[in-house]
Protein backbone atom coordinates (compact mmCIF):
# COMPACT_ATOMS: atom_id res chain seq x y z
CA MET A 1 -20.99 -14.80 -10.71
CA THR A 2 -21.68 -11.32 -9.25
CA ASP A 3 -23.14 -8.61 -11.52
CA SER A 4 -21.15 -5.40 -10.95
CA ARG A 5 -23.50 -3.17 -12.88
CA ALA A 6 -25.49 -0.35 -11.23
CA PHE A 7 -29.14 -0.95 -10.36
CA CYS A 8 -32.08 1.47 -10.20
CA PRO A 9 -32.78 2.23 -6.54
CA ARG A 10 -36.51 2.57 -7.28
CA CYS A 11 -37.34 -0.63 -9.23
CA GLY A 12 -34.14 -2.64 -8.96
CA ASP A 13 -33.65 -3.07 -12.68
CA PRO A 14 -30.11 -2.77 -14.06
CA VAL A 15 -29.13 0.67 -15.24
CA PRO A 16 -27.41 0.61 -18.66
CA GLU A 17 -23.89 1.85 -18.80
CA ARG A 18 -23.71 5.42 -20.11
CA SER A 19 -21.03 7.42 -21.79
CA GLU A 20 -18.79 9.62 -19.68
CA GLY A 21 -20.81 12.71 -20.68
CA ASP A 22 -24.02 11.11 -19.35
CA ALA A 23 -22.57 9.85 -16.08
CA THR A 24 -23.83 12.69 -13.91
CA ASP A 25 -27.22 14.18 -13.22
CA PRO A 26 -27.27 17.82 -14.41
CA LEU A 27 -29.84 18.58 -11.74
CA ARG A 28 -27.47 17.28 -9.07
CA PRO A 29 -23.89 18.01 -10.17
CA GLY A 30 -21.35 15.52 -8.86
CA THR A 31 -23.88 12.67 -8.29
CA ASP A 32 -24.28 9.54 -10.39
CA VAL A 33 -27.35 9.00 -12.57
CA ASP A 34 -28.87 5.95 -10.92
CA LEU A 35 -32.47 5.79 -12.20
CA CYS A 36 -33.37 3.54 -15.08
CA ASP A 37 -35.05 5.09 -18.11
CA SER A 38 -38.48 3.83 -17.12
CA CYS A 39 -38.37 5.38 -13.65
CA TYR A 40 -36.71 8.53 -14.97
CA PHE A 41 -39.49 9.13 -17.50
CA ASP A 42 -42.18 8.46 -14.88
CA ASP A 43 -41.24 11.77 -13.21
CA PHE A 44 -40.04 13.58 -16.34
CA GLU A 45 -41.74 16.84 -17.25
CA PHE A 46 -40.70 18.15 -20.64
CA ILE A 47 -42.39 21.54 -20.32
CA ASP A 48 -43.12 23.70 -17.29
CA ALA A 49 -45.97 26.02 -18.32
CA PRO A 50 -48.39 28.22 -16.37
CA ASP A 51 -52.10 27.44 -16.45
CA ARG A 52 -52.86 30.97 -17.68
CA ILE A 53 -51.05 34.19 -18.53
CA ASP A 54 -52.53 37.61 -17.78
CA VAL A 55 -51.11 40.48 -19.82
CA ARG A 56 -51.65 44.19 -19.26
CA VAL A 57 -51.33 46.06 -22.56
CA CYS A 58 -51.53 49.82 -23.12
CA ALA A 59 -54.40 50.43 -25.54
CA GLN A 60 -52.70 53.58 -26.88
CA CYS A 61 -49.08 52.62 -27.52
CA GLY A 62 -49.02 48.82 -27.17
CA ALA A 63 -46.55 48.74 -24.27
CA VAL A 64 -46.72 45.70 -21.96
CA HIS A 65 -46.60 45.87 -18.16
CA ARG A 66 -43.85 43.68 -16.73
CA GLY A 67 -42.86 43.66 -13.09
CA ARG A 68 -43.25 47.24 -11.94
CA ARG A 69 -42.86 49.03 -15.23
CA TRP A 70 -44.21 49.35 -18.74
CA VAL A 71 -42.02 48.02 -21.55
CA ASP A 72 -42.14 48.78 -25.28
CA ILE A 73 -41.82 45.47 -27.10
CA GLY A 74 -42.59 46.65 -30.62
CA ALA A 75 -45.50 44.25 -31.10
CA GLN A 76 -47.72 44.77 -34.15
CA ASP A 77 -50.86 43.29 -32.56
CA TYR A 78 -52.03 41.40 -29.49
CA THR A 79 -51.12 38.03 -31.01
CA ASP A 80 -47.48 39.15 -31.14
CA VAL A 81 -47.81 40.20 -27.50
CA ALA A 82 -49.22 36.79 -26.54
CA ILE A 83 -46.40 34.93 -28.34
CA GLU A 84 -43.79 37.10 -26.60
CA GLU A 85 -45.31 36.52 -23.17
CA VAL A 86 -45.64 32.76 -23.66
CA SER A 87 -42.01 32.57 -24.78
CA GLU A 88 -40.96 34.28 -21.57
CA ALA A 89 -43.15 32.08 -19.35
CA LEU A 90 -42.26 28.61 -20.67
CA ALA A 91 -39.39 26.51 -19.27
CA VAL A 92 -37.88 23.38 -20.87
CA HIS A 93 -36.35 20.56 -18.83
CA VAL A 94 -32.60 20.98 -18.59
CA ASP A 95 -31.88 17.44 -19.83
CA VAL A 96 -33.61 17.93 -23.18
CA GLU A 97 -31.42 18.46 -26.22
CA ASP A 98 -32.22 19.63 -29.76
CA VAL A 99 -35.37 21.39 -28.62
CA ALA A 100 -37.72 22.73 -31.32
CA TRP A 101 -41.13 24.27 -30.91
CA GLN A 102 -43.90 26.04 -32.74
CA VAL A 103 -47.04 27.82 -31.68
CA GLU A 104 -50.49 28.21 -33.20
CA PRO A 105 -52.51 31.14 -31.79
CA GLU A 106 -56.29 30.83 -31.63
CA GLU A 107 -58.32 33.95 -30.96
CA VAL A 108 -61.43 32.99 -29.00
CA GLY A 109 -62.58 36.50 -28.12
CA PRO A 110 -61.48 40.13 -28.10
CA ASN A 111 -59.46 39.59 -24.93
CA THR A 112 -58.42 35.91 -25.04
CA ILE A 113 -55.91 34.06 -27.21
CA ARG A 114 -55.31 30.33 -26.84
CA MET A 115 -51.72 29.45 -27.52
CA HIS A 116 -51.30 25.86 -28.78
CA CYS A 117 -47.61 25.03 -28.31
CA PHE A 118 -45.88 21.96 -29.78
CA PHE A 119 -42.43 20.81 -28.57
CA THR A 120 -39.95 18.15 -29.69
CA GLY A 121 -36.55 17.18 -28.37
CA THR A 122 -34.26 14.36 -27.27
CA VAL A 123 -33.42 13.18 -23.75
CA ARG A 124 -31.27 10.14 -22.89
CA GLY A 125 -31.21 9.38 -26.61
CA THR A 126 -34.99 9.08 -26.69
CA PRO A 127 -37.16 11.41 -28.83
CA VAL A 128 -39.74 13.23 -26.74
CA GLU A 129 -42.61 15.50 -27.67
CA GLU A 130 -45.34 17.38 -25.88
CA GLN A 131 -48.06 19.91 -26.55
CA VAL A 132 -49.65 22.39 -24.18
CA MET A 133 -52.41 24.96 -24.45
CA ILE A 134 -51.99 28.21 -22.56
CA PRO A 135 -54.79 30.79 -22.50
CA VAL A 136 -53.54 34.39 -22.62
CA LYS A 137 -55.90 37.02 -21.20
CA ILE A 138 -55.39 40.57 -22.52
CA ALA A 139 -56.29 43.49 -20.26
CA ARG A 140 -56.35 46.84 -22.07
CA GLN A 141 -55.15 49.69 -19.89
CA THR A 142 -53.36 53.03 -20.15
CA CYS A 143 -49.64 53.11 -19.39
CA THR A 144 -48.07 55.80 -17.25
CA ARG A 145 -46.59 57.61 -20.25
CA CYS A 146 -49.82 57.75 -22.26
CA GLY A 147 -51.72 58.78 -19.14
CA ARG A 148 -49.36 61.69 -18.62
CA ILE A 149 -49.57 62.75 -22.25
CA ALA A 150 -53.37 62.64 -22.14
CA GLY A 151 -53.29 64.69 -18.94
CA ASP A 152 -50.97 67.35 -20.47
CA TYR A 153 -48.27 66.52 -17.92
CA TYR A 154 -45.00 68.44 -18.11
CA ALA A 155 -42.05 68.99 -15.80
CA SER A 156 -40.15 71.67 -17.67
CA ILE A 157 -40.78 74.75 -19.81
CA VAL A 158 -38.34 76.04 -22.42
CA GLN A 159 -38.82 79.64 -23.50
CA ILE A 160 -37.03 80.74 -26.68
CA ARG A 161 -36.65 84.52 -26.88
CA ALA A 162 -34.18 86.96 -28.42
CA GLU A 163 -32.63 90.20 -27.17
CA GLY A 164 -34.37 93.15 -28.81
CA ARG A 165 -35.90 91.13 -31.64
CA THR A 166 -38.12 88.17 -32.48
CA PRO A 167 -36.35 84.82 -33.02
CA THR A 168 -36.00 83.89 -36.67
CA THR A 169 -37.97 81.11 -38.33
CA GLU A 170 -34.73 79.12 -38.58
CA GLU A 171 -34.14 79.42 -34.83
CA LEU A 172 -37.68 78.34 -33.94
CA GLU A 173 -37.63 75.41 -36.34
CA ARG A 174 -34.27 74.34 -34.96
CA ALA A 175 -35.68 74.43 -31.39
CA ARG A 176 -38.45 72.04 -32.43
CA GLU A 177 -35.98 69.80 -34.23
CA ILE A 178 -33.66 69.68 -31.22
CA ALA A 179 -36.52 68.70 -28.91
CA GLU A 180 -37.73 65.96 -31.26
CA ASN A 181 -34.21 64.54 -31.66
CA ILE A 182 -33.61 64.51 -27.90
CA VAL A 183 -36.89 62.70 -27.26
CA ALA A 184 -36.17 60.18 -30.05
CA ASP A 185 -32.68 59.45 -28.64
CA MET A 186 -34.04 58.94 -25.13
CA GLU A 187 -36.83 56.69 -26.35
CA ALA A 188 -34.27 54.63 -28.26
CA THR A 189 -32.46 53.91 -24.98
CA GLY A 190 -35.70 52.75 -23.32
CA ASP A 191 -36.67 55.97 -21.54
CA ARG A 192 -40.48 56.02 -21.66
CA ASN A 193 -40.70 59.29 -19.72
CA ALA A 194 -39.49 61.37 -22.66
CA PHE A 195 -42.11 63.28 -24.63
CA ILE A 196 -43.10 66.76 -25.77
CA THR A 197 -46.38 67.87 -24.24
CA GLU A 198 -46.99 71.09 -26.14
CA THR A 199 -45.26 73.60 -28.40
CA THR A 200 -46.77 77.09 -28.61
CA GLU A 201 -45.59 79.96 -30.79
CA THR A 202 -46.00 83.39 -29.19
CA ASP A 203 -45.60 86.95 -30.45
CA ASP A 204 -42.05 87.08 -29.10
CA GLY A 205 -40.83 83.51 -29.48
CA LEU A 206 -41.63 79.92 -28.61
CA ASN A 207 -42.75 78.05 -25.48
CA MET A 208 -42.18 74.31 -25.18
CA ARG A 209 -43.56 72.08 -22.44
CA VAL A 210 -41.56 68.87 -22.07
CA SER A 211 -41.78 65.86 -19.79
CA THR A 212 -38.49 66.12 -17.89
CA ASN A 213 -36.06 68.78 -16.71
CA LYS A 214 -33.29 66.86 -18.46
CA ILE A 215 -34.95 67.40 -21.84
CA GLY A 216 -35.54 71.08 -21.12
CA LYS A 217 -31.93 71.64 -20.16
CA LYS A 218 -30.63 69.84 -23.26
CA ILE A 219 -32.84 71.90 -25.59
CA ALA A 220 -31.78 75.17 -23.99
CA ASN A 221 -28.07 74.36 -24.01
CA LYS A 222 -28.16 73.15 -27.62
CA MET A 223 -29.84 76.36 -28.78
CA VAL A 224 -27.13 78.48 -27.14
CA GLU A 225 -24.45 76.16 -28.52
CA GLU A 226 -25.66 76.74 -32.08
CA PHE A 227 -26.87 80.35 -32.01
CA GLY A 228 -25.15 81.93 -29.00
CA GLY A 229 -26.94 83.70 -26.17
CA THR A 230 -27.62 82.80 -22.56
CA VAL A 231 -29.77 80.43 -20.48
CA ASN A 232 -31.34 81.17 -17.10
CA ASP A 233 -33.37 78.65 -15.11
CA ALA A 234 -35.93 79.13 -12.36
CA GLU A 235 -37.60 76.50 -10.17
CA THR A 236 -41.23 76.55 -9.09
CA LEU A 237 -42.54 74.22 -6.36
CA VAL A 238 -45.63 72.45 -7.71
CA THR A 239 -46.26 69.61 -5.25
CA GLU A 240 -44.68 67.10 -2.88
CA ASP A 241 -44.02 63.42 -3.45
CA GLU A 242 -45.19 60.62 -1.13
CA ASP A 243 -42.07 61.08 1.00
CA GLY A 244 -42.70 64.79 1.48
CA ASN A 245 -39.95 65.91 -0.89
CA GLY A 246 -40.62 68.95 -3.03
CA VAL A 247 -41.36 68.41 -6.74
CA TYR A 248 -40.22 71.37 -8.82
CA ARG A 249 -41.02 72.54 -12.32
CA VAL A 250 -38.06 74.22 -14.01
CA THR A 251 -38.33 77.00 -16.59
CA PHE A 252 -35.35 77.43 -18.89
CA ALA A 253 -35.31 80.92 -20.41
CA VAL A 254 -33.15 81.03 -23.55
CA ARG A 255 -32.16 84.55 -24.59
CA LEU A 256 -30.66 84.57 -28.09
CA PRO A 257 -28.26 87.36 -29.16
CA PRO A 258 -29.70 90.61 -30.60
CA TYR A 259 -27.91 90.08 -33.93
CA VAL A 260 -27.67 87.06 -36.20
CA PRO A 261 -25.28 86.20 -39.05
CA GLY A 262 -26.27 88.28 -42.06
CA ASP A 263 -27.27 91.38 -40.09
CA VAL A 264 -25.59 94.67 -41.00
CA ILE A 265 -25.06 96.85 -37.93
CA ASP A 266 -23.62 100.29 -37.20
CA LEU A 267 -21.58 100.19 -33.99
CA ALA A 268 -21.92 102.98 -31.45
CA ASN A 269 -18.80 105.06 -30.79
CA ASP A 270 -17.09 103.48 -33.77
CA ASP A 271 -15.94 105.47 -36.80
CA GLU A 272 -14.82 102.54 -38.94
CA GLY A 273 -18.16 101.91 -40.61
CA PRO A 274 -20.85 99.21 -40.63
CA VAL A 275 -20.19 95.55 -39.85
CA LEU A 276 -21.70 92.47 -41.51
CA VAL A 277 -22.26 89.97 -38.67
CA SER A 278 -20.79 86.52 -39.30
CA SER A 279 -21.14 84.91 -35.83
CA ALA A 280 -22.83 85.54 -32.49
CA HIS A 281 -20.98 82.82 -30.57
CA GLY A 282 -19.03 84.20 -27.66
CA ASN A 283 -17.99 87.67 -28.79
CA LEU A 284 -19.82 89.00 -31.84
CA LYS A 285 -17.73 88.69 -35.03
CA GLY A 286 -18.08 90.12 -38.50
CA ILE A 287 -16.56 91.94 -41.49
CA ARG A 288 -16.16 95.69 -41.81
CA LEU A 289 -17.86 96.86 -44.99
CA ARG A 290 -15.54 99.80 -45.61
CA THR A 291 -12.30 97.86 -45.54
CA GLY A 292 -13.12 94.13 -45.50
CA GLU A 293 -11.16 93.69 -42.27
CA ARG A 294 -12.28 91.26 -39.57
CA TYR A 295 -14.13 92.62 -36.55
CA GLU A 296 -14.59 91.09 -33.10
CA ALA A 297 -16.35 92.70 -30.13
CA SER A 298 -14.50 93.08 -26.86
CA TYR A 299 -14.95 90.65 -23.98
CA GLU A 300 -17.06 93.19 -22.10
CA GLU A 301 -19.39 93.68 -25.09
CA GLY A 302 -19.74 89.97 -25.76
CA ASN A 303 -22.33 89.15 -28.42
CA ALA A 304 -24.38 92.30 -27.82
CA PRO A 305 -22.29 95.42 -28.48
CA GLU A 306 -24.20 98.68 -28.57
CA ALA A 307 -25.27 99.21 -32.18
CA ARG A 308 -28.19 99.88 -34.49
CA LYS A 309 -29.31 97.49 -37.21
CA LEU A 310 -29.08 98.89 -40.74
CA GLY A 311 -30.39 95.93 -42.67
CA GLU A 312 -29.70 92.34 -43.67
CA ARG A 313 -27.60 90.62 -46.31
CA GLN A 314 -30.77 89.70 -48.20
CA ASP A 315 -31.62 93.39 -48.57
CA ALA A 316 -28.61 93.94 -50.84
CA VAL A 317 -29.18 94.54 -54.56
CA GLU A 318 -26.81 94.38 -57.52
CA ALA A 319 -25.14 97.70 -58.30
CA THR A 320 -23.27 98.40 -61.54
CA VAL A 321 -19.55 99.19 -61.25
CA VAL A 322 -18.59 102.36 -63.16
CA THR A 323 -14.88 102.24 -62.43
CA VAL A 324 -12.39 101.13 -59.81
CA GLU A 325 -10.65 104.35 -58.87
CA ASP A 326 -7.91 102.88 -56.66
CA GLU A 327 -7.30 100.31 -53.92
CA ARG A 328 -9.58 102.10 -51.46
CA SER A 329 -12.35 103.57 -53.60
CA ILE A 330 -14.78 102.46 -56.29
CA GLN A 331 -17.47 104.22 -58.31
CA VAL A 332 -20.87 102.52 -58.67
CA LEU A 333 -24.36 103.48 -59.79
CA ASP A 334 -26.72 104.13 -56.88
CA PRO A 335 -29.37 101.34 -57.23
CA GLU A 336 -32.14 103.86 -56.42
CA THR A 337 -31.11 107.10 -58.18
CA TYR A 338 -28.74 105.54 -60.76
CA GLN A 339 -26.28 108.35 -60.08
CA ALA A 340 -22.58 107.53 -60.01
CA LYS A 341 -21.19 107.53 -56.47
CA THR A 342 -17.70 107.03 -55.19
CA ILE A 343 -17.67 104.81 -52.07
CA SER A 344 -15.17 102.77 -50.07
CA ARG A 345 -13.78 99.71 -51.78
CA PRO A 346 -13.35 96.81 -49.28
CA GLU A 347 -10.55 94.36 -49.98
CA TYR A 348 -12.93 91.57 -51.00
CA VAL A 349 -14.10 93.47 -54.14
CA ASP A 350 -12.56 92.16 -57.35
CA ALA A 351 -11.01 94.88 -59.52
CA ASP A 352 -12.61 93.25 -62.60
CA ALA A 353 -16.12 93.07 -61.12
CA GLU A 354 -18.90 94.52 -63.27
CA GLU A 355 -21.61 94.28 -60.58
CA VAL A 356 -21.42 94.13 -56.79
CA PRO A 357 -24.03 93.46 -54.06
CA ALA A 358 -24.73 96.79 -52.35
CA LEU A 359 -26.81 97.80 -49.35
CA LYS A 360 -28.15 101.34 -49.05
CA SER A 361 -29.03 102.47 -45.53
CA ARG A 362 -29.02 105.53 -43.29
CA ALA A 363 -25.23 105.01 -43.03
CA GLY A 364 -24.80 105.30 -46.81
CA LEU A 365 -24.07 102.87 -49.63
CA HIS A 366 -21.83 99.89 -48.88
CA ILE A 367 -20.67 96.85 -50.82
CA LEU A 368 -21.24 93.45 -49.23
CA PRO A 369 -19.16 90.34 -49.83
CA LYS A 370 -20.77 87.67 -51.98
CA ASP A 371 -22.48 84.76 -50.21
CA ASP A 372 -19.55 82.41 -50.85
CA GLU A 373 -16.96 84.80 -49.44
């Protein structure tokens, strides 16, 4: 009687019948599995592992060099780095199912960690296990980013100034906050070239040195978006790259408007009285203190109409109301002389008010709207 079963081409022993799912060799799709288990396991390698792993780690920030670039992996110490690198370097045979593994690090010196790895799995219904030891050599270096920071590298300068005044503390603090947020967002997306080299406060504003022109442009545009003003940029050739192309450093000069919300100004060639500035975006906007009507500068004047500054909202003091004479006039006590004075009554003054915030300046005594108005 003829045996119709398949035989191992290497040893000649019969090959057991397998289920339909095991009938093909996953390493050679479309071909029949024709080795017996004994011959199969003679050549079987559960784990493919390197003899040694060399790792370049930045001593400052902990980044690891992979390929041609430095990568932040968020490791807490060098043991975490070693485990991460071993995980990337190991390969498990494709036939093995239900693979499980664990690792036991052994520090044998300041720069060497032995990684004892234990593996279990199943192949052809047979439990298999293996253990390997991989030495990981740590080389402490300085990554490109940390090297640039240490060398005070910068590619862009942002200058924060204001027209005819010094930028406010709020504006300068916001510039710093914007820069920090931009750098944090870029770092979160994996951009390791984003950092702030230096921030210097000057007598007339703020200078910021940042690592890329992209950061500088974003800071400048965000300042103008929030506070109004203009941005001008100028390029300076600093060197050439290896291909002979020019490398430029860009200075972004931010010029904030001359007036900020809360300023009280007296417009030139205008007989309708002082204006309390409410916005410097686009055309300057505000409230007329004589009438309470809205004011907006013309397109030609923009956010810098010709005017003189009389004071600020915070300079106002409470003045006692003597009487409301009519819809357009009110009598109050001068906060300095305590003499009764009749002045214009803007529409935002309540007829039942007992005290009102008043600002006394070279233009006279005027009532300001309350902070919530």
